[in-house]
């Protein structure tokens, strides 16, 4: 079974598949989805608005920046080996406790 596509591409890109956009035209996401829905005979809808996506991206970047600044603030403290030993022991107790609780029930 040969899964490779034929090397000649004359029939692969049809002329009616070409979407010509002029340099002075502006197309937003809705026009692009309409083109694809008409071309592929599907019914895809936009799930999120631009402002919803922008707010989520800004919130995500703010959380990453806050974590970065927190690590910079606690850098000297995080270099202590006893801190990491304590974190490892706490994680061990929590995970083992959950395992034992699951086995008892």
C-alpha atoms as a PDB file:
ATOM      1  CA  UNK A   1       0.000   0.000   0.000  1.00  0.00           C
ATOM      2  CA  UNK A   2       1.585   3.239  -1.169  1.00  0.00           C
ATOM      3  CA  UNK A   3       0.507   6.207   0.953  1.00  0.00           C
ATOM      4  CA  UNK A   4       2.607   8.787  -0.852  1.00  0.00           C
ATOM      5  CA  UNK A   5       0.782  11.435  -2.834  1.00  0.00           C
ATOM      6  CA  UNK A   6       1.410  11.614  -6.529  1.00  0.00           C
ATOM      7  CA  UNK A   7       4.367  13.878  -7.309  1.00  0.00           C
ATOM      8  CA  UNK A   8       2.522  15.935  -9.941  1.00  0.00           C
ATOM      9  CA  UNK A   9       0.443  18.689  -8.369  1.00  0.00           C
ATOM     10  CA  UNK A  10      -1.600  19.916 -11.334  1.00  0.00           C
ATOM     11  CA  UNK A  11      -4.872  18.512  -9.990  1.00  0.00           C
ATOM     12  CA  UNK A  12      -4.125  19.093  -6.343  1.00  0.00           C
ATOM     13  CA  UNK A  13      -4.675  22.881  -6.345  1.00  0.00           C
ATOM     14  CA  UNK A  14      -7.767  23.800  -8.327  1.00  0.00           C
ATOM     15  CA  UNK A  15      -8.317  27.307  -9.673  1.00  0.00           C
ATOM     16  CA  UNK A  16     -11.611  27.642  -7.773  1.00  0.00           C
ATOM     17  CA  UNK A  17      -9.743  26.991  -4.519  1.00  0.00           C
ATOM     18  CA  UNK A  18      -7.723  30.183  -4.856  1.00  0.00           C
ATOM     19  CA  UNK A  19      -8.865  33.084  -2.671  1.00  0.00           C
ATOM     20  CA  UNK A  20      -7.591  36.331  -4.151  1.00  0.00           C
ATOM     21  CA  UNK A  21      -7.288  39.151  -1.632  1.00  0.00           C
ATOM     22  CA  UNK A  22      -6.412  42.627  -2.837  1.00  0.00           C
ATOM     23  CA  UNK A  23      -3.816  44.650  -0.932  1.00  0.00           C
ATOM     24  CA  UNK A  24      -6.349  47.298   0.142  1.00  0.00           C
ATOM     25  CA  UNK A  25      -8.912  44.765   1.419  1.00  0.00           C
ATOM     26  CA  UNK A  26      -9.228  43.862   5.083  1.00  0.00           C
ATOM     27  CA  UNK A  27     -10.494  40.431   6.078  1.00  0.00           C
ATOM     28  CA  UNK A  28     -11.319  39.488   9.622  1.00  0.00           C
ATOM     29  CA  UNK A  29     -11.775  36.036  11.125  1.00  0.00           C
ATOM     30  CA  UNK A  30     -15.495  35.906  10.309  1.00  0.00           C
ATOM     31  CA  UNK A  31     -14.895  36.461   6.575  1.00  0.00           C
ATOM     32  CA  UNK A  32     -12.195  33.777   6.571  1.00  0.00           C
ATOM     33  CA  UNK A  33     -14.488  31.294   8.327  1.00  0.00           C
ATOM     34  CA  UNK A  34     -17.309  32.136   5.901  1.00  0.00           C
ATOM     35  CA  UNK A  35     -14.985  31.429   2.974  1.00  0.00           C
ATOM     36  CA  UNK A  36     -13.955  28.077   4.415  1.00  0.00           C
ATOM     37  CA  UNK A  37     -17.530  27.155   5.341  1.00  0.00           C
ATOM     38  CA  UNK A  38     -18.695  27.890   1.782  1.00  0.00           C
ATOM     39  CA  UNK A  39     -15.736  26.132   0.209  1.00  0.00           C
ATOM     40  CA  UNK A  40     -15.717  23.025   2.427  1.00  0.00           C
ATOM     41  CA  UNK A  41     -19.490  22.935   2.997  1.00  0.00           C
ATOM     42  CA  UNK A  42     -19.113  23.012   6.787  1.00  0.00           C
ATOM     43  CA  UNK A  43     -20.727  25.057   9.543  1.00  0.00           C
ATOM     44  CA  UNK A  44     -17.870  26.210  11.768  1.00  0.00           C
ATOM     45  CA  UNK A  45     -18.681  29.057  14.171  1.00  0.00           C
ATOM     46  CA  UNK A  46     -16.388  31.457  16.014  1.00  0.00           C
ATOM     47  CA  UNK A  47     -16.357  30.319  19.642  1.00  0.00           C
ATOM     48  CA  UNK A  48     -14.626  33.291  21.269  1.00  0.00           C
ATOM     49  CA  UNK A  49     -14.594  36.978  20.482  1.00  0.00           C
ATOM     50  CA  UNK A  50     -11.371  38.911  20.051  1.00  0.00           C
ATOM     51  CA  UNK A  51     -11.782  40.640  23.406  1.00  0.00           C
ATOM     52  CA  UNK A  52     -12.286  37.323  25.226  1.00  0.00           C
ATOM     53  CA  UNK A  53      -9.098  35.918  23.707  1.00  0.00           C
ATOM     54  CA  UNK A  54      -7.213  39.152  24.452  1.00  0.00           C
ATOM     55  CA  UNK A  55      -8.315  39.164  28.101  1.00  0.00           C
ATOM     56  CA  UNK A  56      -7.315  35.508  28.532  1.00  0.00           C
ATOM     57  CA  UNK A  57      -3.899  36.153  26.976  1.00  0.00           C
ATOM     58  CA  UNK A  58      -3.288  39.216  29.156  1.00  0.00           C
ATOM     59  CA  UNK A  59      -4.356  37.283  32.265  1.00  0.00           C
ATOM     60  CA  UNK A  60      -2.049  34.383  31.375  1.00  0.00           C
ATOM     61  CA  UNK A  61       0.911  36.695  30.799  1.00  0.00           C
ATOM     62  CA  UNK A  62       0.182  38.486  34.100  1.00  0.00           C
ATOM     63  CA  UNK A  63       0.233  35.159  35.964  1.00  0.00           C
ATOM     64  CA  UNK A  64       3.536  34.184  34.323  1.00  0.00           C
ATOM     65  CA  UNK A  65       5.020  37.602  35.195  1.00  0.00           C
ATOM     66  CA  UNK A  66       3.816  37.289  38.814  1.00  0.00           C
ATOM     67  CA  UNK A  67       5.394  33.830  39.142  1.00  0.00           C
ATOM     68  CA  UNK A  68       8.630  35.116  37.632  1.00  0.00           C
ATOM     69  CA  UNK A  69       8.759  38.059  40.041  1.00  0.00           C
ATOM     70  CA  UNK A  70       7.948  35.735  42.967  1.00  0.00           C
ATOM     71  CA  UNK A  71      10.857  33.466  42.023  1.00  0.00           C
ATOM     72  CA  UNK A  72      13.155  36.483  41.752  1.00  0.00           C
ATOM     73  CA  UNK A  73      12.005  37.656  45.171  1.00  0.00           C
ATOM     74  CA  UNK A  74      12.532  34.247  46.801  1.00  0.00           C
ATOM     75  CA  UNK A  75      15.716  33.315  44.906  1.00  0.00           C
ATOM     76  CA  UNK A  76      18.059  33.472  47.928  1.00  0.00           C
ATOM     77  CA  UNK A  77      15.604  31.437  49.983  1.00  0.00           C
ATOM     78  CA  UNK A  78      15.213  28.801  47.240  1.00  0.00           C
ATOM     79  CA  UNK A  79      18.981  28.177  47.135  1.00  0.00           C
ATOM     80  CA  UNK A  80      18.877  26.651  50.623  1.00  0.00           C
ATOM     81  CA  UNK A  81      19.091  22.835  50.513  1.00  0.00           C
ATOM     82  CA  UNK A  82      16.982  22.407  53.637  1.00  0.00           C
ATOM     83  CA  UNK A  83      14.075  24.183  51.953  1.00  0.00           C
ATOM     84  CA  UNK A  84      14.090  21.660  49.111  1.00  0.00           C
ATOM     85  CA  UNK A  85      14.469  18.788  51.572  1.00  0.00           C
ATOM     86  CA  UNK A  86      11.397  20.067  53.435  1.00  0.00           C
ATOM     87  CA  UNK A  87       9.450  20.408  50.169  1.00  0.00           C
ATOM     88  CA  UNK A  88      10.434  16.865  49.171  1.00  0.00           C
ATOM     89  CA  UNK A  89       9.365  15.453  52.543  1.00  0.00           C
ATOM     90  CA  UNK A  90       6.035  17.316  52.405  1.00  0.00           C
ATOM     91  CA  UNK A  91       5.335  15.990  48.909  1.00  0.00           C
ATOM     92  CA  UNK A  92       6.312  12.479  50.024  1.00  0.00           C
ATOM     93  CA  UNK A  93       3.957  12.600  53.030  1.00  0.00           C
ATOM     94  CA  UNK A  94       1.077  14.000  50.960  1.00  0.00           C
ATOM     95  CA  UNK A  95       1.480  11.451  48.167  1.00  0.00           C
ATOM     96  CA  UNK A  96       1.982   8.508  50.541  1.00  0.00           C
ATOM     97  CA  UNK A  97      -0.952   9.611  52.665  1.00  0.00           C
ATOM     98  CA  UNK A  98      -3.187   9.675  49.613  1.00  0.00           C
ATOM     99  CA  UNK A  99      -1.966   6.254  48.542  1.00  0.00           C
ATOM    100  CA  UNK A 100      -2.612   4.770  51.977  1.00  0.00           C
ATOM    101  CA  UNK A 101      -6.051   6.437  52.166  1.00  0.00           C
ATOM    102  CA  UNK A 102      -6.949   5.027  48.740  1.00  0.00           C
ATOM    103  CA  UNK A 103      -5.805   1.524  49.755  1.00  0.00           C
ATOM    104  CA  UNK A 104      -7.802   1.628  53.009  1.00  0.00           C
ATOM    105  CA  UNK A 105     -10.998   2.685  51.251  1.00  0.00           C
END
